[in-house]
Structure formats: structure tokens, C-alpha cells
Amino acid sequence: MFLTGEPQYRAERTLLVSGAIDLVMQSKAEGGRVVQTPEALAGLRYDPPAREARRSRNPLPVGASLVPFEVEPPTEWVLVPKM
């Protein structure tokens, strides 16, 4: 989002994931009972983005921090294929 000004994922993805996690946690708290999917969640449609998200090649975090990092931040950004 910082590079392109557009979110990497649509809001529907967040709603689907958080709704699924809520239902799983509710089921576990009730001893594994099957929990029905609410209509609002069942009717939600999500199509993945057409292009890959931009990710840094650097395995360590980069950016603002209270303490300096011991590595240099990446100088270029690349598209990483999905695994």
C-alpha cells in the first residue's frame, strides 16, 4: 500500500478470515460443536487480486524502529511468486 497507494488485499479477505477464525474459536470453546456459517459471511464473495503482492527480499524487518537494525534495508523491491 505504501508503494502503490492501493491496499494489497480487499476488505472482503479480512472479513472472511476474521469471520472464519471467530467461528473456529467459538466451536472450540463449545467442545467442538459444529457452528453454522452466518448468512452475511456465507454470502461474501472474494476474488484474489490479479497481481502478486510486493514483498521485500530482506528476511529481517526494515523501517522505523526504536533501535537500529544491524542490516541494510533492501535497495529494490520485487514481486515474489505465491508458494
N, C-alpha and C. Protein backbone atom coordinates (compact mmCIF):
# COMPACT_ATOMS: atom_id res chain seq x y z
N MET A 1 0.82 -1.19 0.00
CA MET A 1 0.00 0.00 0.00
C MET A 1 0.87 1.26 0.00
N PHE A 2 1.99 1.20 0.69
CA PHE A 2 2.84 2.38 0.76
C PHE A 2 3.48 2.70 -0.58
N LEU A 3 3.76 1.68 -1.37
CA LEU A 3 4.41 1.91 -2.66
C LEU A 3 3.41 2.29 -3.74
N THR A 4 2.25 1.68 -3.73
CA THR A 4 1.29 1.89 -4.82
C THR A 4 0.12 2.79 -4.45
N GLY A 5 -0.14 2.97 -3.16
CA GLY A 5 -1.30 3.75 -2.73
C GLY A 5 -2.58 2.94 -2.73
N GLU A 6 -2.49 1.66 -3.07
CA GLU A 6 -3.66 0.77 -3.09
C GLU A 6 -3.44 -0.36 -2.10
N PRO A 7 -4.51 -0.81 -1.41
CA PRO A 7 -4.34 -1.93 -0.48
C PRO A 7 -3.96 -3.20 -1.25
N GLN A 8 -3.14 -4.06 -0.62
CA GLN A 8 -2.75 -5.30 -1.26
C GLN A 8 -3.91 -6.27 -1.35
N TYR A 9 -4.81 -6.22 -0.37
CA TYR A 9 -5.94 -7.14 -0.33
C TYR A 9 -7.21 -6.36 -0.07
N ARG A 10 -8.30 -6.83 -0.65
CA ARG A 10 -9.59 -6.17 -0.47
C ARG A 10 -10.13 -6.45 0.93
N ALA A 11 -11.05 -5.62 1.38
CA ALA A 11 -11.63 -5.75 2.73
C ALA A 11 -12.35 -7.09 2.89
N GLU A 12 -12.89 -7.64 1.81
CA GLU A 12 -13.60 -8.91 1.90
C GLU A 12 -12.70 -10.03 2.42
N ARG A 13 -11.42 -9.98 2.08
CA ARG A 13 -10.49 -11.00 2.56
C ARG A 13 -10.39 -10.95 4.08
N THR A 14 -10.25 -9.75 4.62
CA THR A 14 -10.17 -9.58 6.07
C THR A 14 -11.44 -10.07 6.75
N LEU A 15 -12.59 -9.74 6.16
CA LEU A 15 -13.86 -10.19 6.74
C LEU A 15 -13.99 -11.71 6.72
N LEU A 16 -13.60 -12.35 5.63
CA LEU A 16 -13.67 -13.80 5.54
C LEU A 16 -12.75 -14.48 6.55
N VAL A 17 -11.51 -14.01 6.63
CA VAL A 17 -10.54 -14.63 7.53
C VAL A 17 -10.94 -14.42 8.98
N SER A 18 -11.28 -13.19 9.35
CA SER A 18 -11.65 -12.94 10.75
C SER A 18 -12.95 -13.66 11.11
N GLY A 19 -13.89 -13.75 10.17
CA GLY A 19 -15.13 -14.48 10.44
C GLY A 19 -14.88 -15.97 10.62
N ALA A 20 -14.01 -16.55 9.80
CA ALA A 20 -13.68 -17.97 9.92
C ALA A 20 -12.98 -18.26 11.25
N ILE A 21 -12.05 -17.40 11.62
CA ILE A 21 -11.34 -17.59 12.89
C ILE A 21 -12.32 -17.49 14.06
N ASP A 22 -13.25 -16.55 14.01
CA ASP A 22 -14.25 -16.41 15.06
C ASP A 22 -15.09 -17.67 15.20
N LEU A 23 -15.52 -18.24 14.06
CA LEU A 23 -16.33 -19.45 14.11
C LEU A 23 -15.54 -20.65 14.65
N VAL A 24 -14.27 -20.76 14.28
CA VAL A 24 -13.43 -21.85 14.78
C VAL A 24 -13.24 -21.73 16.28
N MET A 25 -12.97 -20.53 16.75
CA MET A 25 -12.77 -20.32 18.19
C MET A 25 -14.06 -20.58 18.97
N GLN A 26 -15.19 -20.17 18.41
CA GLN A 26 -16.49 -20.41 19.05
C GLN A 26 -16.75 -21.91 19.14
N SER A 27 -16.49 -22.64 18.07
CA SER A 27 -16.67 -24.08 18.06
C SER A 27 -15.78 -24.77 19.09
N LYS A 28 -14.52 -24.37 19.17
CA LYS A 28 -13.60 -24.96 20.13
C LYS A 28 -14.05 -24.70 21.56
N ALA A 29 -14.51 -23.47 21.83
CA ALA A 29 -14.97 -23.12 23.18
C ALA A 29 -16.19 -23.92 23.58
N GLU A 30 -16.95 -24.40 22.60
CA GLU A 30 -18.16 -25.18 22.87
C GLU A 30 -17.93 -26.67 22.67
N GLY A 31 -16.68 -27.10 22.84
CA GLY A 31 -16.36 -28.52 22.79
C GLY A 31 -16.35 -29.13 21.40
N GLY A 32 -16.15 -28.34 20.36
CA GLY A 32 -16.08 -28.86 19.01
C GLY A 32 -17.42 -28.93 18.31
N ARG A 33 -18.41 -28.27 18.88
CA ARG A 33 -19.74 -28.26 18.26
C ARG A 33 -19.67 -27.62 16.88
N VAL A 34 -20.43 -28.13 15.93
CA VAL A 34 -20.50 -27.56 14.58
C VAL A 34 -21.25 -26.24 14.67
N VAL A 35 -20.64 -25.19 14.16
CA VAL A 35 -21.24 -23.85 14.19
C VAL A 35 -21.64 -23.49 12.76
N GLN A 36 -22.88 -23.08 12.60
CA GLN A 36 -23.38 -22.71 11.28
C GLN A 36 -22.77 -21.38 10.83
N THR A 37 -22.48 -21.28 9.55
CA THR A 37 -21.93 -20.05 8.99
C THR A 37 -23.05 -19.02 8.87
N PRO A 38 -22.83 -17.82 9.44
CA PRO A 38 -23.86 -16.78 9.30
C PRO A 38 -24.07 -16.40 7.84
N GLU A 39 -25.29 -15.98 7.50
CA GLU A 39 -25.60 -15.64 6.11
C GLU A 39 -24.71 -14.52 5.59
N ALA A 40 -24.37 -13.55 6.44
CA ALA A 40 -23.53 -12.44 5.99
C ALA A 40 -22.15 -12.94 5.55
N LEU A 41 -21.61 -13.91 6.26
CA LEU A 41 -20.31 -14.46 5.92
C LEU A 41 -20.41 -15.41 4.73
N ALA A 42 -21.48 -16.21 4.69
CA ALA A 42 -21.65 -17.18 3.60
C ALA A 42 -21.88 -16.48 2.26
N GLY A 43 -22.49 -15.31 2.29
CA GLY A 43 -22.80 -14.59 1.06
C GLY A 43 -21.67 -13.69 0.57
N LEU A 44 -20.60 -13.63 1.33
CA LEU A 44 -19.47 -12.77 0.97
C LEU A 44 -18.65 -13.40 -0.14
N ARG A 45 -18.34 -12.64 -1.15
CA ARG A 45 -17.55 -13.15 -2.27
C ARG A 45 -16.20 -12.45 -2.29
N TYR A 46 -15.13 -13.23 -2.48
CA TYR A 46 -13.79 -12.66 -2.54
C TYR A 46 -13.06 -13.24 -3.74
N ASP A 47 -12.58 -12.38 -4.60
CA ASP A 47 -11.74 -12.78 -5.72
C ASP A 47 -10.33 -12.27 -5.42
N PRO A 48 -9.32 -13.14 -5.48
CA PRO A 48 -7.96 -12.70 -5.19
C PRO A 48 -7.49 -11.66 -6.20
N PRO A 49 -6.51 -10.83 -5.79
CA PRO A 49 -6.01 -9.81 -6.72
C PRO A 49 -5.36 -10.44 -7.94
N ALA A 50 -5.39 -9.72 -9.05
CA ALA A 50 -4.84 -10.24 -10.30
C ALA A 50 -3.32 -10.27 -10.28
N ARG A 51 -2.69 -9.42 -9.48
CA ARG A 51 -1.23 -9.40 -9.46
C ARG A 51 -0.72 -9.79 -8.07
N GLU A 52 0.52 -10.17 -8.04
CA GLU A 52 1.14 -10.58 -6.78
C GLU A 52 1.43 -9.37 -5.90
N ALA A 53 1.48 -9.61 -4.59
CA ALA A 53 1.81 -8.54 -3.65
C ALA A 53 3.31 -8.25 -3.70
N ARG A 54 3.68 -7.02 -3.46
CA ARG A 54 5.10 -6.67 -3.41
C ARG A 54 5.66 -7.03 -2.05
N ARG A 55 6.79 -7.70 -2.05
CA ARG A 55 7.44 -8.09 -0.81
C ARG A 55 8.93 -7.84 -0.93
N SER A 56 9.53 -7.52 0.18
CA SER A 56 10.96 -7.31 0.22
C SER A 56 11.68 -8.64 0.20
N ARG A 57 12.89 -8.68 -0.36
CA ARG A 57 13.71 -9.89 -0.32
C ARG A 57 14.41 -10.03 1.03
N ASN A 58 14.45 -8.96 1.79
CA ASN A 58 15.14 -8.96 3.06
C ASN A 58 14.35 -9.76 4.09
N PRO A 59 14.94 -10.77 4.73
CA PRO A 59 14.19 -11.59 5.69
C PRO A 59 13.96 -10.88 7.02
N LEU A 60 14.70 -9.82 7.31
CA LEU A 60 14.53 -9.09 8.56
C LEU A 60 13.67 -7.86 8.34
N PRO A 61 12.99 -7.38 9.37
CA PRO A 61 12.16 -6.19 9.20
C PRO A 61 13.00 -4.96 8.89
N VAL A 62 12.42 -4.06 8.14
CA VAL A 62 13.09 -2.79 7.82
C VAL A 62 12.10 -1.66 8.09
N GLY A 63 12.61 -0.49 8.36
CA GLY A 63 11.75 0.65 8.59
C GLY A 63 11.99 1.28 9.94
N ALA A 64 11.01 2.05 10.41
CA ALA A 64 11.13 2.76 11.67
C ALA A 64 11.25 1.78 12.83
N SER A 65 12.12 2.09 13.77
CA SER A 65 12.34 1.22 14.92
C SER A 65 12.93 2.04 16.05
N LEU A 66 12.76 1.54 17.28
CA LEU A 66 13.37 2.20 18.42
C LEU A 66 14.87 1.94 18.49
N VAL A 67 15.30 0.82 17.94
CA VAL A 67 16.73 0.50 17.91
C VAL A 67 17.13 0.27 16.45
N PRO A 68 18.36 0.62 16.09
CA PRO A 68 18.76 0.43 14.69
C PRO A 68 18.92 -1.05 14.34
N PHE A 69 18.62 -1.38 13.09
CA PHE A 69 18.84 -2.74 12.60
C PHE A 69 20.31 -2.90 12.26
N GLU A 70 20.78 -4.13 12.33
CA GLU A 70 22.18 -4.40 12.02
C GLU A 70 22.41 -4.69 10.54
N VAL A 71 21.36 -4.70 9.76
CA VAL A 71 21.49 -4.97 8.33
C VAL A 71 20.97 -3.77 7.54
N GLU A 72 21.44 -3.66 6.33
CA GLU A 72 20.97 -2.58 5.46
C GLU A 72 19.61 -2.94 4.89
N PRO A 73 18.71 -1.96 4.76
CA PRO A 73 17.42 -2.26 4.14
C PRO A 73 17.60 -2.58 2.66
N PRO A 74 16.65 -3.28 2.05
CA PRO A 74 16.79 -3.62 0.63
C PRO A 74 16.78 -2.37 -0.23
N THR A 75 17.51 -2.43 -1.32
CA THR A 75 17.56 -1.30 -2.23
C THR A 75 16.57 -1.43 -3.37
N GLU A 76 15.97 -2.61 -3.53
CA GLU A 76 14.99 -2.81 -4.58
C GLU A 76 13.86 -3.70 -4.08
N TRP A 77 12.71 -3.56 -4.69
CA TRP A 77 11.54 -4.37 -4.36
C TRP A 77 11.22 -5.24 -5.56
N VAL A 78 10.82 -6.48 -5.29
CA VAL A 78 10.50 -7.39 -6.38
C VAL A 78 9.17 -8.09 -6.09
N LEU A 79 8.58 -8.64 -7.13
CA LEU A 79 7.38 -9.44 -6.97
C LEU A 79 7.80 -10.87 -6.65
N VAL A 80 7.27 -11.39 -5.54
CA VAL A 80 7.60 -12.75 -5.12
C VAL A 80 6.44 -13.65 -5.50
N PRO A 81 6.69 -14.75 -6.23
CA PRO A 81 5.58 -15.63 -6.62
C PRO A 81 4.97 -16.32 -5.41
N LYS A 82 3.70 -16.65 -5.52
CA LYS A 82 3.00 -17.38 -4.45
C LYS A 82 3.61 -18.77 -4.32
N MET A 83 3.62 -19.27 -3.10
CA MET A 83 4.13 -20.62 -2.87
C MET A 83 3.00 -21.60 -2.74
